[in-house]
Amino acid sequence: MKQSGNTVLKALVLRGSRNLFTVVAGESAAVLECRIKGKILKGLENYYNPLAPGDRVSIEPDPLHPGTALITAAEERCNSLTRFNQKGQKSQILAANIDLAFCMTSPLSPPFRPRFLDRVLVQAEISRITPVILCNKWDLFDGEPDTEERLSDYRRIGYQVICISAKTGFGMEKLTSILDGKTSALLGQSGVGKTSLVNALSPGLGMKTGTVNEKYNRGNHTTALSVMLKLPGFNKTTFLIDMPGIRRMVPDGIKTEDLILYMKEFSGFAGKCTFGLSCSHRSEPGCTVREAVNKGFIHPDRYESYLRIGDELAAL
């Protein structure tokens, strides 16, 4: 179609940073390097980053510079996975228009970190995106009962948990069946094997992998930017967004008092305490949340996550 004498194409954002984005556009699936026309996109001024992998945009190719274009507008998103960026004090978009959010962890090297998982799960609930807990490096699992108990509790409260090994292939068949035909985001802390998993799913991509820092028992950043990948060998509508390791996941888009609504096993108790919706669920008498913890309906570690996330939100 034509607009103001310029050709306008629909495009999909694959990756980008600041004001430089890589998109795939048109029936020819041309890959173009783009900048935002005027440097500001209407309606996205209040985000730390205006666009993320998975965004759909309108572009005007530059006839004088083949392989480049200007982004003129962004389409309305079906959803977006975000976090609160404390440096910029704004919402940061991690991925847009996705079906699944794979919250990736490992039992060892680096150790299992349910606190991080809880934050990702809260954000997925806020964003109305289906989360899947993916525990990689299962070949290293040594039978640690705490890890097994926590994974079992996530299943109990309604989350899908898949244990895999990108190295040995354990559990990969189940994972591929869930991925196929969907757009998914893969996020976790550094070292849990996100890029190794991408290579296992599509060896031809040859993504660079890193190692775990032995001193601090955490991963080193290998992936520098989030990138949207089309996975060869899958349905043509299968995409995976591989993200850099995330060390800090602060939920975005809610206030402290709303947190209870976005933790599955907590939400049923909202407003049912003696002090109703004003209950902080810390020390008030007649608190149904603390009663549920004492009765084993809410896991003590999940309750601790609730308190910590609430403190973080209150401090923003």
C-alpha atoms as a PDB file:
ATOM      1  CA  MET A   1       0.000   0.000   0.000  1.00  0.00           C
ATOM      2  CA  LYS A   2       1.000   3.618  -0.415  1.00  0.00           C
ATOM      3  CA  GLN A   3       1.195   6.377   2.149  1.00  0.00           C
ATOM      4  CA  SER A   4       2.484   9.897   1.413  1.00  0.00           C
ATOM      5  CA  GLY A   5       4.277   8.567  -1.677  1.00  0.00           C
ATOM      6  CA  ASN A   6       6.277   6.007   0.304  1.00  0.00           C
ATOM      7  CA  THR A   7       5.895   2.231   0.320  1.00  0.00           C
ATOM      8  CA  VAL A   8       4.715   0.986   3.703  1.00  0.00           C
ATOM      9  CA  LEU A   9       5.312  -2.627   4.750  1.00  0.00           C
ATOM     10  CA  LYS A  10       4.326  -4.675   7.769  1.00  0.00           C
ATOM     11  CA  ALA A  11       7.284  -6.093   9.667  1.00  0.00           C
ATOM     12  CA  LEU A  12       8.155  -8.225  12.676  1.00  0.00           C
ATOM     13  CA  VAL A  13      10.818  -7.025  15.142  1.00  0.00           C
ATOM     14  CA  LEU A  14      13.516  -9.672  15.662  1.00  0.00           C
ATOM     15  CA  ARG A  15      15.879  -7.751  17.923  1.00  0.00           C
ATOM     16  CA  GLY A  16      16.964  -4.244  18.735  1.00  0.00           C
ATOM     17  CA  SER A  17      18.402  -1.759  21.180  1.00  0.00           C
ATOM     18  CA  ARG A  18      17.943   1.968  21.664  1.00  0.00           C
ATOM     19  CA  ASN A  19      16.990   3.186  18.174  1.00  0.00           C
ATOM     20  CA  LEU A  20      18.327   0.413  15.952  1.00  0.00           C
ATOM     21  CA  PHE A  21      16.163  -2.626  15.219  1.00  0.00           C
ATOM     22  CA  THR A  22      16.355  -5.655  12.955  1.00  0.00           C
ATOM     23  CA  VAL A  23      13.049  -6.627  11.357  1.00  0.00           C
ATOM     24  CA  VAL A  24      11.783  -9.140   8.813  1.00  0.00           C
ATOM     25  CA  ALA A  25       9.309  -7.658   6.338  1.00  0.00           C
ATOM     26  CA  GLY A  26       7.045  -8.370   3.409  1.00  0.00           C
ATOM     27  CA  GLU A  27       6.302 -11.527   1.451  1.00  0.00           C
ATOM     28  CA  SER A  28       9.971 -11.836   0.558  1.00  0.00           C
ATOM     29  CA  ALA A  29      10.875 -11.991   4.292  1.00  0.00           C
ATOM     30  CA  ALA A  30      13.565  -9.377   3.747  1.00  0.00           C
ATOM     31  CA  VAL A  31      15.703  -8.615   6.806  1.00  0.00           C
ATOM     32  CA  LEU A  32      16.156  -4.878   7.280  1.00  0.00           C
ATOM     33  CA  GLU A  33      17.940  -2.614   9.743  1.00  0.00           C
ATOM     34  CA  CYS A  34      15.577   0.090  10.962  1.00  0.00           C
ATOM     35  CA  ARG A  35      15.436   3.262  12.981  1.00  0.00           C
ATOM     36  CA  ILE A  36      12.337   4.873  14.420  1.00  0.00           C
ATOM     37  CA  LYS A  37      11.109   7.765  12.310  1.00  0.00           C
ATOM     38  CA  GLY A  38      11.339  10.850  14.487  1.00  0.00           C
ATOM     39  CA  LYS A  39      12.876   8.657  17.260  1.00  0.00           C
ATOM     40  CA  ILE A  40       9.551   8.458  19.160  1.00  0.00           C
ATOM     41  CA  LEU A  41       6.640   6.099  18.560  1.00  0.00           C
ATOM     42  CA  LYS A  42       3.203   7.390  19.503  1.00  0.00           C
ATOM     43  CA  GLY A  43       1.819   5.697  22.599  1.00  0.00           C
ATOM     44  CA  LEU A  44       5.138   4.178  23.664  1.00  0.00           C
ATOM     45  CA  GLU A  45       6.828   7.245  25.132  1.00  0.00           C
ATOM     46  CA  ASN A  46       6.668   5.992  28.722  1.00  0.00           C
ATOM     47  CA  TYR A  47       8.541   2.717  28.190  1.00  0.00           C
ATOM     48  CA  TYR A  48      12.238   2.191  28.900  1.00  0.00           C
ATOM     49  CA  ASN A  49      12.454   0.656  25.430  1.00  0.00           C
ATOM     50  CA  PRO A  50       9.817   1.350  22.755  1.00  0.00           C
ATOM     51  CA  LEU A  51       9.999  -2.015  20.978  1.00  0.00           C
ATOM     52  CA  ALA A  52      10.944  -5.614  21.722  1.00  0.00           C
ATOM     53  CA  PRO A  53      11.187  -8.909  19.820  1.00  0.00           C
ATOM     54  CA  GLY A  54       7.718  -9.971  18.735  1.00  0.00           C
ATOM     55  CA  ASP A  55       6.435  -6.452  18.100  1.00  0.00           C
ATOM     56  CA  ARG A  56       4.727  -5.850  14.771  1.00  0.00           C
ATOM     57  CA  VAL A  57       5.415  -2.525  13.101  1.00  0.00           C
ATOM     58  CA  SER A  58       4.913  -0.501   9.935  1.00  0.00           C
ATOM     59  CA  ILE A  59       8.055   0.481   8.046  1.00  0.00           C
ATOM     60  CA  GLU A  60       9.071   2.638   5.093  1.00  0.00           C
ATOM     61  CA  PRO A  61      12.065   1.143   3.201  1.00  0.00           C
ATOM     62  CA  ASP A  62      14.746   3.655   2.270  1.00  0.00           C
ATOM     63  CA  PRO A  63      15.247   3.465  -1.529  1.00  0.00           C
ATOM     64  CA  LEU A  64      18.572   5.289  -1.259  1.00  0.00           C
ATOM     65  CA  HIS A  65      20.007   2.860   1.279  1.00  0.00           C
ATOM     66  CA  PRO A  66      19.052  -0.745   0.442  1.00  0.00           C
ATOM     67  CA  GLY A  67      18.573  -2.978   3.464  1.00  0.00           C
ATOM     68  CA  THR A  68      17.392  -0.127   5.695  1.00  0.00           C
ATOM     69  CA  ALA A  69      14.039   1.389   6.615  1.00  0.00           C
ATOM     70  CA  LEU A  70      12.242   3.695   9.013  1.00  0.00           C
ATOM     71  CA  ILE A  71       9.731   2.419  11.574  1.00  0.00           C
ATOM     72  CA  THR A  72       6.675   4.647  11.365  1.00  0.00           C
ATOM     73  CA  ALA A  73       4.226   2.965  13.763  1.00  0.00           C
ATOM     74  CA  ALA A  74       3.768   0.008  16.108  1.00  0.00           C
ATOM     75  CA  GLU A  75       0.678  -2.210  16.034  1.00  0.00           C
ATOM     76  CA  GLU A  76      -1.320  -2.716  19.207  1.00  0.00           C
ATOM     77  CA  ARG A  77       0.060  -5.679  21.163  1.00  0.00           C
ATOM     78  CA  CYS A  78      -1.934  -8.752  22.128  1.00  0.00           C
ATOM     79  CA  ASN A  79       0.238  -8.839  25.252  1.00  0.00           C
ATOM     80  CA  SER A  80       3.696  -7.921  26.447  1.00  0.00           C
ATOM     81  CA  LEU A  81       6.015  -9.458  29.004  1.00  0.00           C
ATOM     82  CA  THR A  82       7.623  -6.660  30.991  1.00  0.00           C
ATOM     83  CA  ARG A  83       9.624  -5.929  34.107  1.00  0.00           C
ATOM     84  CA  PHE A  84      10.209  -2.723  36.043  1.00  0.00           C
ATOM     85  CA  ASN A  85      13.559  -1.265  35.051  1.00  0.00           C
ATOM     86  CA  GLN A  86      14.923   0.358  38.205  1.00  0.00           C
ATOM     87  CA  LYS A  87      17.686   2.202  36.374  1.00  0.00           C
ATOM     88  CA  GLY A  88      15.248   3.983  34.068  1.00  0.00           C
ATOM     89  CA  GLN A  89      12.314   3.888  36.522  1.00  0.00           C
ATOM     90  CA  LYS A  90      10.054   2.705  33.702  1.00  0.00           C
ATOM     91  CA  SER A  91       8.454  -0.434  32.307  1.00  0.00           C
ATOM     92  CA  GLN A  92      10.847  -2.446  30.166  1.00  0.00           C
ATOM     93  CA  ILE A  93       9.340  -4.641  27.449  1.00  0.00           C
ATOM     94  CA  LEU A  94      11.047  -8.039  27.267  1.00  0.00           C
ATOM     95  CA  ALA A  95       8.878  -9.640  24.570  1.00  0.00           C
ATOM     96  CA  ALA A  96       5.631  -8.909  22.767  1.00  0.00           C
ATOM     97  CA  ASN A  97       2.777 -10.970  21.344  1.00  0.00           C
ATOM     98  CA  ILE A  98       3.789 -14.305  22.852  1.00  0.00           C
ATOM     99  CA  ASP A  99       1.853 -17.455  23.689  1.00  0.00           C
ATOM    100  CA  LEU A 100       4.144 -18.963  26.339  1.00  0.00           C
ATOM    101  CA  ALA A 101       6.743 -17.731  28.815  1.00  0.00           C
ATOM    102  CA  PHE A 102       9.279 -20.432  29.687  1.00  0.00           C
ATOM    103  CA  CYS A 103      10.652 -19.672  33.151  1.00  0.00           C
ATOM    104  CA  MET A 104      13.955 -21.523  33.064  1.00  0.00           C
ATOM    105  CA  THR A 105      15.966 -22.697  36.051  1.00  0.00           C
ATOM    106  CA  SER A 106      18.365 -25.525  36.945  1.00  0.00           C
ATOM    107  CA  PRO A 107      18.814 -27.822  39.961  1.00  0.00           C
ATOM    108  CA  LEU A 108      22.580 -27.239  40.096  1.00  0.00           C
ATOM    109  CA  SER A 109      25.235 -25.059  38.451  1.00  0.00           C
ATOM    110  CA  PRO A 110      23.685 -22.560  39.098  1.00  0.00           C
ATOM    111  CA  PRO A 111      21.557 -23.733  42.030  1.00  0.00           C
ATOM    112  CA  PHE A 112      17.760 -23.839  42.003  1.00  0.00           C
ATOM    113  CA  ARG A 113      16.369 -20.351  42.701  1.00  0.00           C
ATOM    114  CA  PRO A 114      12.611 -20.380  43.339  1.00  0.00           C
ATOM    115  CA  ARG A 115      12.581 -16.703  44.361  1.00  0.00           C
ATOM    116  CA  PHE A 116      13.372 -15.760  40.759  1.00  0.00           C
ATOM    117  CA  LEU A 117      10.741 -18.178  39.460  1.00  0.00           C
ATOM    118  CA  ASP A 118       8.107 -16.612  41.717  1.00  0.00           C
ATOM    119  CA  ARG A 119       8.801 -13.174  40.278  1.00  0.00           C
ATOM    120  CA  VAL A 120       8.560 -14.399  36.698  1.00  0.00           C
ATOM    121  CA  LEU A 121       5.333 -16.260  37.472  1.00  0.00           C
ATOM    122  CA  VAL A 122       3.813 -13.125  39.000  1.00  0.00           C
ATOM    123  CA  GLN A 123       4.759 -11.103  35.922  1.00  0.00           C
ATOM    124  CA  ALA A 124       3.335 -13.733  33.572  1.00  0.00           C
ATOM    125  CA  GLU A 125       0.052 -13.629  35.513  1.00  0.00           C
ATOM    126  CA  ILE A 126       0.002  -9.821  35.309  1.00  0.00           C
ATOM    127  CA  SER A 127       0.647  -9.995  31.554  1.00  0.00           C
ATOM    128  CA  ARG A 128      -1.912 -12.789  31.034  1.00  0.00           C
ATOM    129  CA  ILE A 129       0.691 -15.027  29.444  1.00  0.00           C
ATOM    130  CA  THR A 130       0.807 -18.765  30.131  1.00  0.00           C
ATOM    131  CA  PRO A 131       4.015 -19.613  32.033  1.00  0.00           C
ATOM    132  CA  VAL A 132       5.809 -22.962  31.921  1.00  0.00           C
ATOM    133  CA  ILE A 133       8.494 -23.810  34.482  1.00  0.00           C
ATOM    134  CA  LEU A 134      11.428 -25.410  32.688  1.00  0.00           C
ATOM    135  CA  CYS A 135      14.080 -27.066  34.847  1.00  0.00           C
ATOM    136  CA  ASN A 136      17.142 -27.706  32.662  1.00  0.00           C
ATOM    137  CA  LYS A 137      20.317 -29.672  33.500  1.00  0.00           C
ATOM    138  CA  TRP A 138      18.219 -32.452  35.003  1.00  0.00           C
ATOM    139  CA  ASP A 139      21.151 -34.775  34.335  1.00  0.00           C
ATOM    140  CA  LEU A 140      22.882 -32.973  37.239  1.00  0.00           C
ATOM    141  CA  PHE A 141      19.978 -33.439  39.673  1.00  0.00           C
ATOM    142  CA  ASP A 142      21.293 -35.220  42.760  1.00  0.00           C
ATOM    143  CA  GLY A 143      17.971 -35.930  44.465  1.00  0.00           C
ATOM    144  CA  GLU A 144      17.960 -32.737  46.548  1.00  0.00           C
ATOM    145  CA  PRO A 145      14.585 -33.018  48.372  1.00  0.00           C
ATOM    146  CA  ASP A 146      14.010 -29.255  48.659  1.00  0.00           C
ATOM    147  CA  THR A 147      14.199 -28.810  44.883  1.00  0.00           C
ATOM    148  CA  GLU A 148      11.887 -31.744  44.235  1.00  0.00           C
ATOM    149  CA  GLU A 149       9.437 -30.494  46.871  1.00  0.00           C
ATOM    150  CA  ARG A 150       9.294 -27.001  45.390  1.00  0.00           C
ATOM    151  CA  LEU A 151       8.746 -28.290  41.856  1.00  0.00           C
ATOM    152  CA  SER A 152       5.990 -30.569  43.164  1.00  0.00           C
ATOM    153  CA  ASP A 153       4.353 -27.610  44.891  1.00  0.00           C
ATOM    154  CA  TYR A 154       4.396 -25.561  41.679  1.00  0.00           C
ATOM    155  CA  ARG A 155       2.564 -28.456  40.016  1.00  0.00           C
ATOM    156  CA  ARG A 156       0.119 -28.626  42.923  1.00  0.00           C
ATOM    157  CA  ILE A 157      -0.920 -24.996  42.569  1.00  0.00           C
ATOM    158  CA  GLY A 158      -1.484 -25.354  38.832  1.00  0.00           C
ATOM    159  CA  TYR A 159       1.734 -24.627  36.953  1.00  0.00           C
ATOM    160  CA  GLN A 160       3.150 -26.896  34.280  1.00  0.00           C
ATOM    161  CA  VAL A 161       6.657 -28.077  35.178  1.00  0.00           C
ATOM    162  CA  ILE A 162       8.947 -29.784  32.674  1.00  0.00           C
ATOM    163  CA  CYS A 163      12.320 -31.253  33.648  1.00  0.00           C
ATOM    164  CA  ILE A 164      14.766 -31.537  30.756  1.00  0.00           C
ATOM    165  CA  SER A 165      18.404 -31.876  29.852  1.00  0.00           C
ATOM    166  CA  ALA A 166      19.479 -29.973  26.748  1.00  0.00           C
ATOM    167  CA  LYS A 167      22.749 -31.930  27.000  1.00  0.00           C
ATOM    168  CA  THR A 168      21.352 -35.489  27.062  1.00  0.00           C
ATOM    169  CA  GLY A 169      17.981 -34.907  25.391  1.00  0.00           C
ATOM    170  CA  PHE A 170      15.956 -35.963  28.434  1.00  0.00           C
ATOM    171  CA  GLY A 171      12.435 -34.485  28.323  1.00  0.00           C
ATOM    172  CA  MET A 172      13.013 -32.700  25.008  1.00  0.00           C
ATOM    173  CA  GLU A 173      10.238 -34.527  23.149  1.00  0.00           C
ATOM    174  CA  LYS A 174       7.631 -33.150  25.545  1.00  0.00           C
ATOM    175  CA  LEU A 175       9.086 -29.660  25.276  1.00  0.00           C
ATOM    176  CA  THR A 176       9.101 -29.646  21.468  1.00  0.00           C
ATOM    177  CA  SER A 177       5.450 -30.687  21.361  1.00  0.00           C
ATOM    178  CA  ILE A 178       4.535 -27.693  23.522  1.00  0.00           C
ATOM    179  CA  LEU A 179       6.692 -25.248  21.542  1.00  0.00           C
ATOM    180  CA  ASP A 180       5.490 -26.257  18.103  1.00  0.00           C
ATOM    181  CA  GLY A 181       3.322 -23.680  16.371  1.00  0.00           C
ATOM    182  CA  LYS A 182       3.646 -21.080  19.125  1.00  0.00           C
ATOM    183  CA  THR A 183       5.619 -17.928  19.872  1.00  0.00           C
ATOM    184  CA  SER A 184       7.474 -18.395  23.152  1.00  0.00           C
ATOM    185  CA  ALA A 185       9.845 -16.398  25.319  1.00  0.00           C
ATOM    186  CA  LEU A 186      12.725 -18.094  27.112  1.00  0.00           C
ATOM    187  CA  LEU A 187      13.927 -16.279  30.221  1.00  0.00           C
ATOM    188  CA  GLY A 188      15.988 -17.137  33.248  1.00  0.00           C
ATOM    189  CA  GLN A 189      19.121 -16.215  35.105  1.00  0.00           C
ATOM    190  CA  SER A 190      22.546 -16.534  33.495  1.00  0.00           C
ATOM    191  CA  GLY A 191      23.973 -20.030  33.350  1.00  0.00           C
ATOM    192  CA  VAL A 192      20.766 -22.071  33.355  1.00  0.00           C
ATOM    193  CA  GLY A 193      21.361 -23.118  29.730  1.00  0.00           C
ATOM    194  CA  LYS A 194      18.979 -21.028  27.635  1.00  0.00           C
ATOM    195  CA  THR A 195      21.251 -20.816  24.625  1.00  0.00           C
ATOM    196  CA  SER A 196      22.306 -24.460  24.963  1.00  0.00           C
ATOM    197  CA  LEU A 197      18.617 -25.315  24.784  1.00  0.00           C
ATOM    198  CA  VAL A 198      18.193 -23.246  21.612  1.00  0.00           C
ATOM    199  CA  ASN A 199      21.115 -25.116  20.052  1.00  0.00           C
ATOM    200  CA  ALA A 200      19.582 -28.440  21.083  1.00  0.00           C
ATOM    201  CA  LEU A 201      16.267 -27.481  19.492  1.00  0.00           C
ATOM    202  CA  SER A 202      17.890 -26.194  16.290  1.00  0.00           C
ATOM    203  CA  PRO A 203      21.584 -27.216  16.027  1.00  0.00           C
ATOM    204  CA  GLY A 204      22.045 -25.289  12.790  1.00  0.00           C
ATOM    205  CA  LEU A 205      21.672 -21.937  14.546  1.00  0.00           C
ATOM    206  CA  GLY A 206      25.044 -22.367  16.281  1.00  0.00           C
ATOM    207  CA  MET A 207      24.356 -19.920  19.108  1.00  0.00           C
ATOM    208  CA  LYS A 208      27.336 -19.061  21.331  1.00  0.00           C
ATOM    209  CA  THR A 209      27.181 -20.528  24.854  1.00  0.00           C
ATOM    210  CA  GLY A 210      28.955 -19.630  28.098  1.00  0.00           C
ATOM    211  CA  THR A 211      30.017 -21.233  31.361  1.00  0.00           C
ATOM    212  CA  VAL A 212      29.074 -20.892  35.015  1.00  0.00           C
ATOM    213  CA  ASN A 213      31.324 -18.722  37.172  1.00  0.00           C
ATOM    214  CA  GLU A 214      32.707 -21.159  39.750  1.00  0.00           C
ATOM    215  CA  LYS A 215      33.473 -18.458  42.329  1.00  0.00           C
ATOM    216  CA  TYR A 216      29.931 -17.071  42.480  1.00  0.00           C
ATOM    217  CA  ASN A 217      28.077 -20.170  41.180  1.00  0.00           C
ATOM    218  CA  ARG A 218      26.167 -18.136  38.643  1.00  0.00           C
ATOM    219  CA  GLY A 219      26.300 -17.739  34.890  1.00  0.00           C
ATOM    220  CA  ASN A 220      28.214 -15.261  32.790  1.00  0.00           C
ATOM    221  CA  HIS A 221      26.217 -13.248  30.252  1.00  0.00           C
ATOM    222  CA  THR A 222      26.583 -14.757  26.768  1.00  0.00           C
ATOM    223  CA  THR A 223      23.498 -13.501  24.919  1.00  0.00           C
ATOM    224  CA  ALA A 224      23.823  -9.714  24.656  1.00  0.00           C
ATOM    225  CA  LEU A 225      20.402  -8.867  23.232  1.00  0.00           C
ATOM    226  CA  SER A 226      17.030 -10.564  23.135  1.00  0.00           C
ATOM    227  CA  VAL A 227      16.515 -12.130  19.715  1.00  0.00           C
ATOM    228  CA  MET A 228      13.497 -13.706  18.057  1.00  0.00           C
ATOM    229  CA  LEU A 229      14.377 -16.936  16.270  1.00  0.00           C
ATOM    230  CA  LYS A 230      12.430 -18.977  13.781  1.00  0.00           C
ATOM    231  CA  LEU A 231      13.129 -22.588  14.702  1.00  0.00           C
ATOM    232  CA  PRO A 232      13.992 -24.756  11.673  1.00  0.00           C
ATOM    233  CA  GLY A 233      12.320 -28.144  11.648  1.00  0.00           C
ATOM    234  CA  PHE A 234       9.194 -26.893  13.426  1.00  0.00           C
ATOM    235  CA  ASN A 235       5.857 -25.598  12.188  1.00  0.00           C
ATOM    236  CA  LYS A 236       6.446 -22.366  10.235  1.00  0.00           C
ATOM    237  CA  THR A 237       4.635 -20.397  12.954  1.00  0.00           C
ATOM    238  CA  THR A 238       7.099 -21.519  15.657  1.00  0.00           C
ATOM    239  CA  PHE A 239       9.220 -18.716  17.116  1.00  0.00           C
ATOM    240  CA  LEU A 240      11.384 -18.554  20.220  1.00  0.00           C
ATOM    241  CA  ILE A 241      12.664 -15.374  21.855  1.00  0.00           C
ATOM    242  CA  ASP A 242      16.008 -16.031  23.555  1.00  0.00           C
ATOM    243  CA  MET A 243      16.826 -13.431  26.220  1.00  0.00           C
ATOM    244  CA  PRO A 244      20.016 -12.453  28.054  1.00  0.00           C
ATOM    245  CA  GLY A 245      20.286 -13.721  31.622  1.00  0.00           C
ATOM    246  CA  ILE A 246      18.139 -11.699  34.018  1.00  0.00           C
ATOM    247  CA  ARG A 247      19.572 -11.066  37.480  1.00  0.00           C
ATOM    248  CA  ARG A 248      16.826  -8.798  38.742  1.00  0.00           C
ATOM    249  CA  MET A 249      13.139  -9.351  37.997  1.00  0.00           C
ATOM    250  CA  VAL A 250      10.973  -6.687  39.604  1.00  0.00           C
ATOM    251  CA  PRO A 251       7.277  -7.157  38.728  1.00  0.00           C
ATOM    252  CA  ASP A 252       5.772  -4.358  36.697  1.00  0.00           C
ATOM    253  CA  GLY A 253       2.295  -2.933  36.426  1.00  0.00           C
ATOM    254  CA  ILE A 254       0.838  -3.535  39.911  1.00  0.00           C
ATOM    255  CA  LYS A 255       0.825  -2.013  43.370  1.00  0.00           C
ATOM    256  CA  THR A 256       1.725  -3.843  46.582  1.00  0.00           C
ATOM    257  CA  GLU A 257      -1.914  -4.358  47.564  1.00  0.00           C
ATOM    258  CA  ASP A 258      -2.652  -6.012  44.204  1.00  0.00           C
ATOM    259  CA  LEU A 259       0.081  -8.657  44.498  1.00  0.00           C
ATOM    260  CA  ILE A 260      -2.228 -11.178  46.193  1.00  0.00           C
ATOM    261  CA  LEU A 261      -4.328 -11.319  43.011  1.00  0.00           C
ATOM    262  CA  TYR A 262      -1.388 -12.542  40.918  1.00  0.00           C
ATOM    263  CA  MET A 263      -0.166 -15.440  43.047  1.00  0.00           C
ATOM    264  CA  LYS A 264      -2.367 -18.422  42.192  1.00  0.00           C
ATOM    265  CA  GLU A 265      -2.888 -19.975  45.604  1.00  0.00           C
ATOM    266  CA  PHE A 266      -3.176 -16.587  47.365  1.00  0.00           C
ATOM    267  CA  SER A 267      -5.822 -14.955  45.189  1.00  0.00           C
ATOM    268  CA  GLY A 268      -8.754 -16.879  46.677  1.00  0.00           C
ATOM    269  CA  PHE A 269      -8.093 -15.268  50.063  1.00  0.00           C
ATOM    270  CA  ALA A 270      -8.206 -11.658  48.824  1.00  0.00           C
ATOM    271  CA  GLY A 271     -10.615  -9.643  50.955  1.00  0.00           C
ATOM    272  CA  LYS A 272     -11.474 -12.558  53.269  1.00  0.00           C
ATOM    273  CA  CYS A 273      -9.302 -11.534  56.218  1.00  0.00           C
ATOM    274  CA  THR A 274     -10.731  -9.829  59.293  1.00  0.00           C
ATOM    275  CA  PHE A 275      -9.322  -6.525  58.007  1.00  0.00           C
ATOM    276  CA  GLY A 276     -10.490  -7.209  54.448  1.00  0.00           C
ATOM    277  CA  LEU A 277      -8.483  -5.779  51.579  1.00  0.00           C
ATOM    278  CA  SER A 278      -6.458  -3.596  53.967  1.00  0.00           C
ATOM    279  CA  CYS A 279      -4.789  -6.652  55.537  1.00  0.00           C
ATOM    280  CA  SER A 280      -1.035  -6.743  54.898  1.00  0.00           C
ATOM    281  CA  HIS A 281      -0.974 -10.497  55.653  1.00  0.00           C
ATOM    282  CA  ARG A 282       1.952 -10.019  58.019  1.00  0.00           C
ATOM    283  CA  SER A 283       0.739  -9.774  61.618  1.00  0.00           C
ATOM    284  CA  GLU A 284      -2.957  -8.870  61.678  1.00  0.00           C
ATOM    285  CA  PRO A 285      -5.299 -11.164  63.626  1.00  0.00           C
ATOM    286  CA  GLY A 286      -7.760 -13.119  61.509  1.00  0.00           C
ATOM    287  CA  CYS A 287      -5.480 -13.210  58.454  1.00  0.00           C
ATOM    288  CA  THR A 288      -6.645 -16.004  56.145  1.00  0.00           C
ATOM    289  CA  VAL A 289      -3.372 -15.991  54.185  1.00  0.00           C
ATOM    290  CA  ARG A 290      -1.224 -16.732  57.243  1.00  0.00           C
ATOM    291  CA  GLU A 291      -3.777 -19.325  58.315  1.00  0.00           C
ATOM    292  CA  ALA A 292      -3.420 -20.979  54.883  1.00  0.00           C
ATOM    293  CA  VAL A 293       0.371 -21.041  55.350  1.00  0.00           C
ATOM    294  CA  ASN A 294      -0.013 -22.704  58.746  1.00  0.00           C
ATOM    295  CA  LYS A 295      -2.363 -25.316  57.264  1.00  0.00           C
ATOM    296  CA  GLY A 296       0.001 -26.077  54.372  1.00  0.00           C
ATOM    297  CA  PHE A 297      -2.194 -24.721  51.599  1.00  0.00           C
ATOM    298  CA  ILE A 298       0.390 -22.013  50.869  1.00  0.00           C
ATOM    299  CA  HIS A 299       4.031 -23.105  50.901  1.00  0.00           C
ATOM    300  CA  PRO A 300       6.146 -21.127  53.445  1.00  0.00           C
ATOM    301  CA  ASP A 301       8.673 -20.256  50.725  1.00  0.00           C
ATOM    302  CA  ARG A 302       5.943 -18.866  48.488  1.00  0.00           C
ATOM    303  CA  TYR A 303       4.718 -16.791  51.425  1.00  0.00           C
ATOM    304  CA  GLU A 304       8.272 -15.499  51.915  1.00  0.00           C
ATOM    305  CA  SER A 305       8.387 -14.580  48.217  1.00  0.00           C
ATOM    306  CA  TYR A 306       5.087 -12.753  48.624  1.00  0.00           C
ATOM    307  CA  LEU A 307       6.531 -10.666  51.472  1.00  0.00           C
ATOM    308  CA  ARG A 308       9.765  -9.888  49.620  1.00  0.00           C
ATOM    309  CA  ILE A 309       8.062  -8.937  46.366  1.00  0.00           C
ATOM    310  CA  GLY A 310       5.621  -6.779  48.330  1.00  0.00           C
ATOM    311  CA  ASP A 311       8.529  -4.970  49.995  1.00  0.00           C
ATOM    312  CA  GLU A 312      10.156  -4.356  46.604  1.00  0.00           C
ATOM    313  CA  LEU A 313       6.947  -2.953  45.135  1.00  0.00           C
ATOM    314  CA  ALA A 314       6.430  -0.703  48.168  1.00  0.00           C
ATOM    315  CA  ALA A 315       9.933   0.703  47.765  1.00  0.00           C
ATOM    316  CA  LEU A 316       9.529   1.717  44.100  1.00  0.00           C
END
